[in-house]
Amino acid sequence: MLPKLSPNQRGIRVIKGESNADNPYSIFNAAALQKAMKLSPAAFKLWAYLNAHKNEYEFGLSSKDVCEVCAMSKPTYLKAFDALVEAGYLVQVELYPNLIGYLFVEQGFGGE
């Protein structure tokens, strides 16, 4: 039973889908999630896509996959990618000798 609500509130009950090895839940850091929600909608989608992976996971980011999963066009993906770079969520580094890539920093460069 819900407690008394303020006039500006709406009662909500969350019903989550089943999770298993093929469909795991992603756990987000609450502070990082709240900070990322200030991004543009497309940049937030890309942030969520990247943040759904476990810590230290390395992979080849496919613009085609992101566009399909996040329902966005390639130009929108490119703008979102640039927004994450500008905000410090994606930091260009040398991942391995002769391999330049990006670190995804969940809370943005420097964290909070």
PDB file of N, CA and C in Angstrom:
ATOM      1  N   MET A   1       0.845  -1.181   0.000  1.00  0.00           N
ATOM      2  CA  MET A   1       0.000   0.000   0.000  1.00  0.00           C
ATOM      3  C   MET A   1       0.889   1.242   0.000  1.00  0.00           C
ATOM      4  N   LEU A   2       0.552   2.187  -0.864  1.00  0.00           N
ATOM      5  CA  LEU A   2       1.328   3.414  -0.970  1.00  0.00           C
ATOM      6  C   LEU A   2       1.076   4.329   0.216  1.00  0.00           C
ATOM      7  N   PRO A   3       2.126   5.047   0.626  1.00  0.00           N
ATOM      8  CA  PRO A   3       1.898   6.091   1.631  1.00  0.00           C
ATOM      9  C   PRO A   3       1.115   7.223   0.972  1.00  0.00           C
ATOM     10  N   LYS A   4       0.694   8.193   1.748  1.00  0.00           N
ATOM     11  CA  LYS A   4      -0.024   9.340   1.198  1.00  0.00           C
ATOM     12  C   LYS A   4       0.881  10.069   0.205  1.00  0.00           C
ATOM     13  N   LEU A   5       0.322  10.427  -0.926  1.00  0.00           N
ATOM     14  CA  LEU A   5       1.091  11.109  -1.959  1.00  0.00           C
ATOM     15  C   LEU A   5       0.830  12.604  -1.931  1.00  0.00           C
ATOM     16  N   SER A   6       1.832  13.377  -2.329  1.00  0.00           N
ATOM     17  CA  SER A   6       1.663  14.816  -2.519  1.00  0.00           C
ATOM     18  C   SER A   6       0.902  15.033  -3.817  1.00  0.00           C
ATOM     19  N   PRO A   7       0.280  16.186  -3.999  1.00  0.00           N
ATOM     20  CA  PRO A   7      -0.479  16.440  -5.231  1.00  0.00           C
ATOM     21  C   PRO A   7       0.354  16.320  -6.512  1.00  0.00           C
ATOM     22  N   ASN A   8       1.660  16.575  -6.424  1.00  0.00           N
ATOM     23  CA  ASN A   8       2.504  16.508  -7.617  1.00  0.00           C
ATOM     24  C   ASN A   8       3.089  15.119  -7.855  1.00  0.00           C
ATOM     25  N   GLN A   9       2.726  14.135  -7.044  1.00  0.00           N
ATOM     26  CA  GLN A   9       3.280  12.794  -7.170  1.00  0.00           C
ATOM     27  C   GLN A   9       2.282  11.849  -7.824  1.00  0.00           C
ATOM     28  N   ARG A  10       2.809  10.792  -8.425  1.00  0.00           N
ATOM     29  CA  ARG A  10       2.000   9.720  -8.996  1.00  0.00           C
ATOM     30  C   ARG A  10       2.472   8.409  -8.399  1.00  0.00           C
ATOM     31  N   GLY A  11       1.551   7.599  -7.985  1.00  0.00           N
ATOM     32  CA  GLY A  11       1.911   6.294  -7.443  1.00  0.00           C
ATOM     33  C   GLY A  11       2.409   5.378  -8.550  1.00  0.00           C
ATOM     34  N   ILE A  12       3.471   4.660  -8.299  1.00  0.00           N
ATOM     35  CA  ILE A  12       4.077   3.747  -9.280  1.00  0.00           C
ATOM     36  C   ILE A  12       4.423   2.442  -8.582  1.00  0.00           C
ATOM     37  N   ARG A  13       4.166   1.331  -9.237  1.00  0.00           N
ATOM     38  CA  ARG A  13       4.667   0.027  -8.800  1.00  0.00           C
ATOM     39  C   ARG A  13       5.488  -0.521  -9.960  1.00  0.00           C
ATOM     40  N   VAL A  14       6.710  -0.909  -9.690  1.00  0.00           N
ATOM     41  CA  VAL A  14       7.623  -1.414 -10.720  1.00  0.00           C
ATOM     42  C   VAL A  14       7.462  -2.919 -10.847  1.00  0.00           C
ATOM     43  N   ILE A  15       7.299  -3.384 -12.073  1.00  0.00           N
ATOM     44  CA  ILE A  15       7.250  -4.814 -12.380  1.00  0.00           C
ATOM     45  C   ILE A  15       8.404  -5.084 -13.337  1.00  0.00           C
ATOM     46  N   LYS A  16       9.407  -5.802 -12.872  1.00  0.00           N
ATOM     47  CA  LYS A  16      10.591  -6.076 -13.692  1.00  0.00           C
ATOM     48  C   LYS A  16      10.443  -7.393 -14.435  1.00  0.00           C
ATOM     49  N   GLY A  17      11.082  -7.457 -15.590  1.00  0.00           N
ATOM     50  CA  GLY A  17      11.098  -8.681 -16.377  1.00  0.00           C
ATOM     51  C   GLY A  17      12.013  -9.715 -15.757  1.00  0.00           C
ATOM     52  N   GLU A  18      11.847 -10.926 -16.197  1.00  0.00           N
ATOM     53  CA  GLU A  18      12.678 -12.021 -15.708  1.00  0.00           C
ATOM     54  C   GLU A  18      14.109 -11.835 -16.183  1.00  0.00           C
ATOM     55  N   SER A  19      15.052 -12.164 -15.336  1.00  0.00           N
ATOM     56  CA  SER A  19      16.452 -12.120 -15.745  1.00  0.00           C
ATOM     57  C   SER A  19      17.054 -13.506 -15.570  1.00  0.00           C
ATOM     58  N   ASN A  20      18.038 -13.788 -16.420  1.00  0.00           N
ATOM     59  CA  ASN A  20      18.752 -15.060 -16.355  1.00  0.00           C
ATOM     60  C   ASN A  20      20.104 -14.860 -17.016  1.00  0.00           C
ATOM     61  N   ALA A  21      20.833 -15.933 -17.257  1.00  0.00           N
ATOM     62  CA  ALA A  21      22.182 -15.824 -17.840  1.00  0.00           C
ATOM     63  C   ALA A  21      22.151 -15.165 -19.218  1.00  0.00           C
ATOM     64  N   ASP A  22      21.094 -15.381 -19.981  1.00  0.00           N
ATOM     65  CA  ASP A  22      20.991 -14.789 -21.313  1.00  0.00           C
ATOM     66  C   ASP A  22      20.401 -13.378 -21.294  1.00  0.00           C
ATOM     67  N   ASN A  23      19.805 -12.996 -20.179  1.00  0.00           N
ATOM     68  CA  ASN A  23      19.151 -11.697 -20.060  1.00  0.00           C
ATOM     69  C   ASN A  23      19.416 -11.133 -18.658  1.00  0.00           C
ATOM     70  N   PRO A  24      20.685 -10.751 -18.374  1.00  0.00           N
ATOM     71  CA  PRO A  24      21.022 -10.287 -17.015  1.00  0.00           C
ATOM     72  C   PRO A  24      20.575  -8.854 -16.777  1.00  0.00           C
ATOM     73  N   TYR A  25      20.428  -8.497 -15.517  1.00  0.00           N
ATOM     74  CA  TYR A  25      20.179  -7.111 -15.149  1.00  0.00           C
ATOM     75  C   TYR A  25      21.493  -6.365 -15.167  1.00  0.00           C
ATOM     76  N   SER A  26      21.442  -5.108 -15.587  1.00  0.00           N
ATOM     77  CA  SER A  26      22.591  -4.222 -15.475  1.00  0.00           C
ATOM     78  C   SER A  26      22.393  -3.385 -14.226  1.00  0.00           C
ATOM     79  N   ILE A  27      23.432  -3.210 -13.465  1.00  0.00           N
ATOM     80  CA  ILE A  27      23.362  -2.398 -12.261  1.00  0.00           C
ATOM     81  C   ILE A  27      24.130  -1.113 -12.533  1.00  0.00           C
ATOM     82  N   PHE A  28      23.469   0.008 -12.309  1.00  0.00           N
ATOM     83  CA  PHE A  28      24.084   1.300 -12.539  1.00  0.00           C
ATOM     84  C   PHE A  28      24.401   1.966 -11.211  1.00  0.00           C
ATOM     85  N   ASN A  29      25.500   2.684 -11.156  1.00  0.00           N
ATOM     86  CA  ASN A  29      25.823   3.520 -10.019  1.00  0.00           C
ATOM     87  C   ASN A  29      24.798   4.654 -10.009  1.00  0.00           C
ATOM     88  N   ALA A  30      24.089   4.830  -8.905  1.00  0.00           N
ATOM     89  CA  ALA A  30      22.990   5.804  -8.847  1.00  0.00           C
ATOM     90  C   ALA A  30      23.466   7.228  -9.144  1.00  0.00           C
ATOM     91  N   ALA A  31      24.592   7.645  -8.584  1.00  0.00           N
ATOM     92  CA  ALA A  31      25.102   9.002  -8.821  1.00  0.00           C
ATOM     93  C   ALA A  31      25.498   9.185 -10.280  1.00  0.00           C
ATOM     94  N   ALA A  32      26.138   8.182 -10.856  1.00  0.00           N
ATOM     95  CA  ALA A  32      26.542   8.258 -12.263  1.00  0.00           C
ATOM     96  C   ALA A  32      25.318   8.323 -13.165  1.00  0.00           C
ATOM     97  N   LEU A  33      24.309   7.527 -12.853  1.00  0.00           N
ATOM     98  CA  LEU A  33      23.079   7.513 -13.647  1.00  0.00           C
ATOM     99  C   LEU A  33      22.398   8.881 -13.601  1.00  0.00           C
ATOM    100  N   GLN A  34      22.291   9.463 -12.422  1.00  0.00           N
ATOM    101  CA  GLN A  34      21.644  10.775 -12.307  1.00  0.00           C
ATOM    102  C   GLN A  34      22.415  11.845 -13.071  1.00  0.00           C
ATOM    103  N   LYS A  35      23.734  11.782 -13.037  1.00  0.00           N
ATOM    104  CA  LYS A  35      24.552  12.741 -13.784  1.00  0.00           C
ATOM    105  C   LYS A  35      24.358  12.537 -15.286  1.00  0.00           C
ATOM    106  N   ALA A  36      24.341  11.298 -15.733  1.00  0.00           N
ATOM    107  CA  ALA A  36      24.204  10.998 -17.158  1.00  0.00           C
ATOM    108  C   ALA A  36      22.831  11.376 -17.700  1.00  0.00           C
ATOM    109  N   MET A  37      21.825  11.388 -16.850  1.00  0.00           N
ATOM    110  CA  MET A  37      20.480  11.754 -17.309  1.00  0.00           C
ATOM    111  C   MET A  37      20.404  13.211 -17.745  1.00  0.00           C
ATOM    112  N   LYS A  38      21.442  13.995 -17.489  1.00  0.00           N
ATOM    113  CA  LYS A  38      21.489  15.387 -17.930  1.00  0.00           C
ATOM    114  C   LYS A  38      22.008  15.515 -19.360  1.00  0.00           C
ATOM    115  N   LEU A  39      22.487  14.420 -19.930  1.00  0.00           N
ATOM    116  CA  LEU A  39      22.954  14.410 -21.317  1.00  0.00           C
ATOM    117  C   LEU A  39      21.760  14.513 -22.264  1.00  0.00           C
ATOM    118  N   SER A  40      22.047  14.762 -23.533  1.00  0.00           N
ATOM    119  CA  SER A  40      20.969  14.724 -24.534  1.00  0.00           C
ATOM    120  C   SER A  40      20.401  13.307 -24.582  1.00  0.00           C
ATOM    121  N   PRO A  41      19.185  13.138 -25.070  1.00  0.00           N
ATOM    122  CA  PRO A  41      18.610  11.786 -25.129  1.00  0.00           C
ATOM    123  C   PRO A  41      19.484  10.774 -25.876  1.00  0.00           C
ATOM    124  N   ALA A  42      20.044  11.154 -27.002  1.00  0.00           N
ATOM    125  CA  ALA A  42      20.876  10.220 -27.770  1.00  0.00           C
ATOM    126  C   ALA A  42      22.171   9.907 -27.026  1.00  0.00           C
ATOM    127  N   ALA A  43      22.793  10.915 -26.421  1.00  0.00           N
ATOM    128  CA  ALA A  43      24.030  10.688 -25.672  1.00  0.00           C
ATOM    129  C   ALA A  43      23.747   9.804 -24.458  1.00  0.00           C
ATOM    130  N   PHE A  44      22.591   9.998 -23.825  1.00  0.00           N
ATOM    131  CA  PHE A  44      22.229   9.150 -22.689  1.00  0.00           C
ATOM    132  C   PHE A  44      22.030   7.706 -23.133  1.00  0.00           C
ATOM    133  N   LYS A  45      21.397   7.496 -24.276  1.00  0.00           N
ATOM    134  CA  LYS A  45      21.219   6.128 -24.794  1.00  0.00           C
ATOM    135  C   LYS A  45      22.580   5.469 -25.006  1.00  0.00           C
ATOM    136  N   LEU A  46      23.511   6.196 -25.608  1.00  0.00           N
ATOM    137  CA  LEU A  46      24.841   5.640 -25.844  1.00  0.00           C
ATOM    138  C   LEU A  46      25.550   5.385 -24.517  1.00  0.00           C
ATOM    139  N   TRP A  47      25.410   6.300 -23.560  1.00  0.00           N
ATOM    140  CA  TRP A  47      25.984   6.101 -22.234  1.00  0.00           C
ATOM    141  C   TRP A  47      25.443   4.810 -21.611  1.00  0.00           C
ATOM    142  N   ALA A  48      24.135   4.611 -21.680  1.00  0.00           N
ATOM    143  CA  ALA A  48      23.511   3.412 -21.104  1.00  0.00           C
ATOM    144  C   ALA A  48      23.982   2.153 -21.826  1.00  0.00           C
ATOM    145  N   TYR A  49      24.119   2.235 -23.142  1.00  0.00           N
ATOM    146  CA  TYR A  49      24.621   1.100 -23.933  1.00  0.00           C
ATOM    147  C   TYR A  49      26.020   0.712 -23.456  1.00  0.00           C
ATOM    148  N   LEU A  50      26.881   1.696 -23.300  1.00  0.00           N
ATOM    149  CA  LEU A  50      28.254   1.427 -22.858  1.00  0.00           C
ATOM    150  C   LEU A  50      28.294   0.969 -21.401  1.00  0.00           C
ATOM    151  N   ASN A  51      27.481   1.584 -20.568  1.00  0.00           N
ATOM    152  CA  ASN A  51      27.512   1.287 -19.143  1.00  0.00           C
ATOM    153  C   ASN A  51      26.899  -0.077 -18.814  1.00  0.00           C
ATOM    154  N   ALA A  52      26.183  -0.667 -19.732  1.00  0.00           N
ATOM    155  CA  ALA A  52      25.584  -1.983 -19.489  1.00  0.00           C
ATOM    156  C   ALA A  52      26.632  -3.097 -19.465  1.00  0.00           C
ATOM    157  N   HIS A  53      27.847  -2.798 -19.895  1.00  0.00           N
ATOM    158  CA  HIS A  53      28.920  -3.797 -19.892  1.00  0.00           C
ATOM    159  C   HIS A  53      29.629  -3.803 -18.537  1.00  0.00           C
ATOM    160  N   LYS A  54      30.186  -4.936 -18.177  1.00  0.00           N
ATOM    161  CA  LYS A  54      30.868  -5.040 -16.884  1.00  0.00           C
ATOM    162  C   LYS A  54      32.177  -4.250 -16.894  1.00  0.00           C
ATOM    163  N   ASN A  55      32.668  -3.936 -15.725  1.00  0.00           N
ATOM    164  CA  ASN A  55      33.898  -3.181 -15.557  1.00  0.00           C
ATOM    165  C   ASN A  55      35.076  -3.897 -16.227  1.00  0.00           C
ATOM    166  N   GLU A  56      35.908  -3.137 -16.900  1.00  0.00           N
ATOM    167  CA  GLU A  56      37.120  -3.615 -17.578  1.00  0.00           C
ATOM    168  C   GLU A  56      36.841  -4.424 -18.850  1.00  0.00           C
ATOM    169  N   TYR A  57      35.577  -4.560 -19.249  1.00  0.00           N
ATOM    170  CA  TYR A  57      35.238  -5.294 -20.474  1.00  0.00           C
ATOM    171  C   TYR A  57      35.737  -4.500 -21.674  1.00  0.00           C
ATOM    172  N   GLU A  58      36.350  -5.175 -22.627  1.00  0.00           N
ATOM    173  CA  GLU A  58      36.849  -4.531 -23.836  1.00  0.00           C
ATOM    174  C   GLU A  58      36.132  -5.113 -25.043  1.00  0.00           C
ATOM    175  N   PHE A  59      35.762  -4.259 -25.983  1.00  0.00           N
ATOM    176  CA  PHE A  59      35.065  -4.733 -27.177  1.00  0.00           C
ATOM    177  C   PHE A  59      35.209  -3.698 -28.279  1.00  0.00           C
ATOM    178  N   GLY A  60      34.903  -4.120 -29.477  1.00  0.00           N
ATOM    179  CA  GLY A  60      34.890  -3.216 -30.609  1.00  0.00           C
ATOM    180  C   GLY A  60      33.502  -2.603 -30.724  1.00  0.00           C
ATOM    181  N   LEU A  61      33.403  -1.303 -30.532  1.00  0.00           N
ATOM    182  CA  LEU A  61      32.117  -0.613 -30.594  1.00  0.00           C
ATOM    183  C   LEU A  61      31.667  -0.512 -32.040  1.00  0.00           C
ATOM    184  N   SER A  62      30.502  -1.029 -32.326  1.00  0.00           N
ATOM    185  CA  SER A  62      29.941  -1.020 -33.675  1.00  0.00           C
ATOM    186  C   SER A  62      28.854   0.041 -33.779  1.00  0.00           C
ATOM    187  N   SER A  63      29.056   1.023 -34.636  1.00  0.00           N
ATOM    188  CA  SER A  63      28.025   2.050 -34.821  1.00  0.00           C
ATOM    189  C   SER A  63      26.737   1.413 -35.332  1.00  0.00           C
ATOM    190  N   LYS A  64      26.854   0.388 -36.158  1.00  0.00           N
ATOM    191  CA  LYS A  64      25.668  -0.289 -36.687  1.00  0.00           C
ATOM    192  C   LYS A  64      24.865  -0.926 -35.546  1.00  0.00           C
ATOM    193  N   ASP A  65      25.548  -1.598 -34.629  1.00  0.00           N
ATOM    194  CA  ASP A  65      24.863  -2.239 -33.511  1.00  0.00           C
ATOM    195  C   ASP A  65      24.221  -1.192 -32.607  1.00  0.00           C
ATOM    196  N   VAL A  66      24.959  -0.136 -32.291  1.00  0.00           N
ATOM    197  CA  VAL A  66      24.403   0.918 -31.440  1.00  0.00           C
ATOM    198  C   VAL A  66      23.162   1.521 -32.095  1.00  0.00           C
ATOM    199  N   CYS A  67      23.241   1.790 -33.387  1.00  0.00           N
ATOM    200  CA  CYS A  67      22.108   2.387 -34.094  1.00  0.00           C
ATOM    201  C   CYS A  67      20.882   1.468 -34.057  1.00  0.00           C
ATOM    202  N   GLU A  68      21.099   0.164 -34.182  1.00  0.00           N
ATOM    203  CA  GLU A  68      19.981  -0.774 -34.124  1.00  0.00           C
ATOM    204  C   GLU A  68      19.422  -0.882 -32.711  1.00  0.00           C
ATOM    205  N   VAL A  69      20.287  -1.076 -31.733  1.00  0.00           N
ATOM    206  CA  VAL A  69      19.849  -1.270 -30.346  1.00  0.00           C
ATOM    207  C   VAL A  69      19.208   0.003 -29.788  1.00  0.00           C
ATOM    208  N   CYS A  70      19.798   1.144 -30.091  1.00  0.00           N
ATOM    209  CA  CYS A  70      19.335   2.414 -29.523  1.00  0.00           C
ATOM    210  C   CYS A  70      18.359   3.163 -30.424  1.00  0.00           C
ATOM    211  N   ALA A  71      18.004   2.584 -31.558  1.00  0.00           N
ATOM    212  CA  ALA A  71      17.058   3.196 -32.498  1.00  0.00           C
ATOM    213  C   ALA A  71      17.459   4.633 -32.849  1.00  0.00           C
ATOM    214  N   MET A  72      18.661   4.755 -33.411  1.00  0.00           N
ATOM    215  CA  MET A  72      19.133   6.080 -33.825  1.00  0.00           C
ATOM    216  C   MET A  72      19.838   5.976 -35.165  1.00  0.00           C
ATOM    217  N   SER A  73      19.926   7.087 -35.851  1.00  0.00           N
ATOM    218  CA  SER A  73      20.622   7.139 -37.137  1.00  0.00           C
ATOM    219  C   SER A  73      22.122   7.260 -36.899  1.00  0.00           C
ATOM    220  N   LYS A  74      22.890   7.012 -37.940  1.00  0.00           N
ATOM    221  CA  LYS A  74      24.346   7.133 -37.798  1.00  0.00           C
ATOM    222  C   LYS A  74      24.765   8.559 -37.470  1.00  0.00           C
ATOM    223  N   PRO A  75      24.193   9.605 -38.119  1.00  0.00           N
ATOM    224  CA  PRO A  75      24.572  10.970 -37.723  1.00  0.00           C
ATOM    225  C   PRO A  75      24.251  11.267 -36.250  1.00  0.00           C
ATOM    226  N   THR A  76      23.131  10.736 -35.754  1.00  0.00           N
ATOM    227  CA  THR A  76      22.775  10.926 -34.349  1.00  0.00           C
ATOM    228  C   THR A  76      23.774  10.207 -33.457  1.00  0.00           C
ATOM    229  N   TYR A  77      24.168   8.989 -33.852  1.00  0.00           N
ATOM    230  CA  TYR A  77      25.182   8.240 -33.106  1.00  0.00           C
ATOM    231  C   TYR A  77      26.486   9.043 -33.035  1.00  0.00           C
ATOM    232  N   LEU A  78      26.914   9.585 -34.156  1.00  0.00           N
ATOM    233  CA  LEU A  78      28.165  10.343 -34.187  1.00  0.00           C
ATOM    234  C   LEU A  78      28.105  11.566 -33.275  1.00  0.00           C
ATOM    235  N   LYS A  79      26.958  12.271 -33.265  1.00  0.00           N
ATOM    236  CA  LYS A  79      26.789  13.416 -32.365  1.00  0.00           C
ATOM    237  C   LYS A  79      26.808  12.960 -30.908  1.00  0.00           C
ATOM    238  N   ALA A  80      26.152  11.836 -30.628  1.00  0.00           N
ATOM    239  CA  ALA A  80      26.126  11.303 -29.261  1.00  0.00           C
ATOM    240  C   ALA A  80      27.533  10.910 -28.818  1.00  0.00           C
ATOM    241  N   PHE A  81      28.282  10.264 -29.711  1.00  0.00           N
ATOM    242  CA  PHE A  81      29.656   9.867 -29.405  1.00  0.00           C
ATOM    243  C   PHE A  81      30.489  11.108 -29.075  1.00  0.00           C
ATOM    244  N   ASP A  82      30.380  12.134 -29.926  1.00  0.00           N
ATOM    245  CA  ASP A  82      31.130  13.375 -29.689  1.00  0.00           C
ATOM    246  C   ASP A  82      30.719  14.035 -28.379  1.00  0.00           C
ATOM    247  N   ALA A  83      29.431  13.976 -28.049  1.00  0.00           N
ATOM    248  CA  ALA A  83      28.951  14.557 -26.784  1.00  0.00           C
ATOM    249  C   ALA A  83      29.566  13.841 -25.588  1.00  0.00           C
ATOM    250  N   LEU A  84      29.700  12.508 -25.678  1.00  0.00           N
ATOM    251  CA  LEU A  84      30.317  11.763 -24.577  1.00  0.00           C
ATOM    252  C   LEU A  84      31.804  12.064 -24.469  1.00  0.00           C
ATOM    253  N   VAL A  85      32.457  12.296 -25.599  1.00  0.00           N
ATOM    254  CA  VAL A  85      33.872  12.704 -25.568  1.00  0.00           C
ATOM    255  C   VAL A  85      33.987  14.074 -24.906  1.00  0.00           C
ATOM    256  N   GLU A  86      33.153  15.004 -25.344  1.00  0.00           N
ATOM    257  CA  GLU A  86      33.200  16.366 -24.816  1.00  0.00           C
ATOM    258  C   GLU A  86      32.910  16.415 -23.313  1.00  0.00           C
ATOM    259  N   ALA A  87      32.004  15.564 -22.856  1.00  0.00           N
ATOM    260  CA  ALA A  87      31.632  15.538 -21.434  1.00  0.00           C
ATOM    261  C   ALA A  87      32.606  14.721 -20.587  1.00  0.00           C
ATOM    262  N   GLY A  88      33.575  14.072 -21.224  1.00  0.00           N
ATOM    263  CA  GLY A  88      34.578  13.312 -20.482  1.00  0.00           C
ATOM    264  C   GLY A  88      34.187  11.887 -20.155  1.00  0.00           C
ATOM    265  N   TYR A  89      33.099  11.395 -20.757  1.00  0.00           N
ATOM    266  CA  TYR A  89      32.710   9.991 -20.549  1.00  0.00           C
ATOM    267  C   TYR A  89      33.532   9.050 -21.431  1.00  0.00           C
ATOM    268  N   LEU A  90      33.954   9.527 -22.584  1.00  0.00           N
ATOM    269  CA  LEU A  90      34.838   8.762 -23.469  1.00  0.00           C
ATOM    270  C   LEU A  90      36.155   9.521 -23.566  1.00  0.00           C
ATOM    271  N   VAL A  91      37.243   8.860 -23.175  1.00  0.00           N
ATOM    272  CA  VAL A  91      38.559   9.490 -23.140  1.00  0.00           C
ATOM    273  C   VAL A  91      39.481   8.714 -24.069  1.00  0.00           C
ATOM    274  N   GLN A  92      40.027   9.399 -25.067  1.00  0.00           N
ATOM    275  CA  GLN A  92      40.908   8.735 -26.028  1.00  0.00           C
ATOM    276  C   GLN A  92      42.251   8.427 -25.375  1.00  0.00           C
ATOM    277  N   VAL A  93      42.668   7.162 -25.500  1.00  0.00           N
ATOM    278  CA  VAL A  93      43.929   6.697 -24.927  1.00  0.00           C
ATOM    279  C   VAL A  93      44.551   5.652 -25.847  1.00  0.00           C
ATOM    280  N   GLU A  94      45.790   5.317 -25.569  1.00  0.00           N
ATOM    281  CA  GLU A  94      46.414   4.187 -26.245  1.00  0.00           C
ATOM    282  C   GLU A  94      46.086   2.951 -25.397  1.00  0.00           C
ATOM    283  N   LEU A  95      45.167   2.128 -25.900  1.00  0.00           N
ATOM    284  CA  LEU A  95      44.746   0.936 -25.160  1.00  0.00           C
ATOM    285  C   LEU A  95      45.855  -0.109 -25.117  1.00  0.00           C
ATOM    286  N   TYR A  96      46.519  -0.273 -26.240  1.00  0.00           N
ATOM    287  CA  TYR A  96      47.638  -1.208 -26.395  1.00  0.00           C
ATOM    288  C   TYR A  96      48.623  -0.537 -27.333  1.00  0.00           C
ATOM    289  N   PRO A  97      49.858  -1.010 -27.387  1.00  0.00           N
ATOM    290  CA  PRO A  97      50.788  -0.422 -28.355  1.00  0.00           C
ATOM    291  C   PRO A  97      50.178  -0.452 -29.763  1.00  0.00           C
ATOM    292  N   ASN A  98      50.192   0.688 -30.410  1.00  0.00           N
ATOM    293  CA  ASN A  98      49.671   0.850 -31.765  1.00  0.00           C
ATOM    294  C   ASN A  98      48.158   0.674 -31.867  1.00  0.00           C
ATOM    295  N   LEU A  99      47.420   0.804 -30.761  1.00  0.00           N
ATOM    296  CA  LEU A  99      45.959   0.723 -30.801  1.00  0.00           C
ATOM    297  C   LEU A  99      45.378   1.865 -29.972  1.00  0.00           C
ATOM    298  N   ILE A 100      44.921   2.893 -30.689  1.00  0.00           N
ATOM    299  CA  ILE A 100      44.265   4.022 -30.033  1.00  0.00           C
ATOM    300  C   ILE A 100      42.785   3.690 -29.907  1.00  0.00           C
ATOM    301  N   GLY A 101      42.243   3.920 -28.747  1.00  0.00           N
ATOM    302  CA  GLY A 101      40.829   3.664 -28.503  1.00  0.00           C
ATOM    303  C   GLY A 101      40.321   4.611 -27.438  1.00  0.00           C
ATOM    304  N   TYR A 102      39.278   4.212 -26.770  1.00  0.00           N
ATOM    305  CA  TYR A 102      38.649   5.063 -25.759  1.00  0.00           C
ATOM    306  C   TYR A 102      38.403   4.295 -24.478  1.00  0.00           C
ATOM    307  N   LEU A 103      38.512   4.992 -23.372  1.00  0.00           N
ATOM    308  CA  LEU A 103      38.064   4.477 -22.090  1.00  0.00           C
ATOM    309  C   LEU A 103      36.664   5.054 -21.874  1.00  0.00           C
ATOM    310  N   PHE A 104      35.717   4.217 -21.500  1.00  0.00           N
ATOM    311  CA  PHE A 104      34.417   4.711 -21.080  1.00  0.00           C
ATOM    312  C   PHE A 104      34.497   4.899 -19.570  1.00  0.00           C
ATOM    313  N   VAL A 105      34.337   6.125 -19.115  1.00  0.00           N
ATOM    314  CA  VAL A 105      34.417   6.466 -17.697  1.00  0.00           C
ATOM    315  C   VAL A 105      32.997   6.743 -17.223  1.00  0.00           C
ATOM    316  N   GLU A 106      32.454   5.842 -16.429  1.00  0.00           N
ATOM    317  CA  GLU A 106      31.048   5.873 -16.039  1.00  0.00           C
ATOM    318  C   GLU A 106      30.569   7.221 -15.520  1.00  0.00           C
ATOM    319  N   GLN A 107      31.378   7.889 -14.700  1.00  0.00           N
ATOM    320  CA  GLN A 107      30.950   9.172 -14.111  1.00  0.00           C
ATOM    321  C   GLN A 107      31.558  10.372 -14.810  1.00  0.00           C
ATOM    322  N   GLY A 108      32.142  10.165 -15.963  1.00  0.00           N
ATOM    323  CA  GLY A 108      32.801  11.277 -16.645  1.00  0.00           C
ATOM    324  C   GLY A 108      34.216  11.424 -16.119  1.00  0.00           C
ATOM    325  N   PHE A 109      35.040  12.091 -16.854  1.00  0.00           N
ATOM    326  CA  PHE A 109      36.443  12.232 -16.489  1.00  0.00           C
ATOM    327  C   PHE A 109      36.573  12.857 -15.112  1.00  0.00           C
ATOM    328  N   GLY A 110      37.291  12.195 -14.235  1.00  0.00           N
ATOM    329  CA  GLY A 110      37.497  12.686 -12.900  1.00  0.00           C
ATOM    330  C   GLY A 110      36.459  12.220 -11.897  1.00  0.00           C
ATOM    331  N   GLY A 111      35.378  11.644 -12.417  1.00  0.00           N
ATOM    332  CA  GLY A 111      34.335  11.140 -11.521  1.00  0.00           C
ATOM    333  C   GLY A 111      33.745  12.262 -10.679  1.00  0.00           C
ATOM    334  N   GLU A 112      33.005  11.883  -9.672  1.00  0.00           N
ATOM    335  CA  GLU A 112      32.426  12.851  -8.728  1.00  0.00           C
ATOM    336  C   GLU A 112      32.241  12.193  -7.417  1.00  0.00           C
TER     337      GLU A 112
END
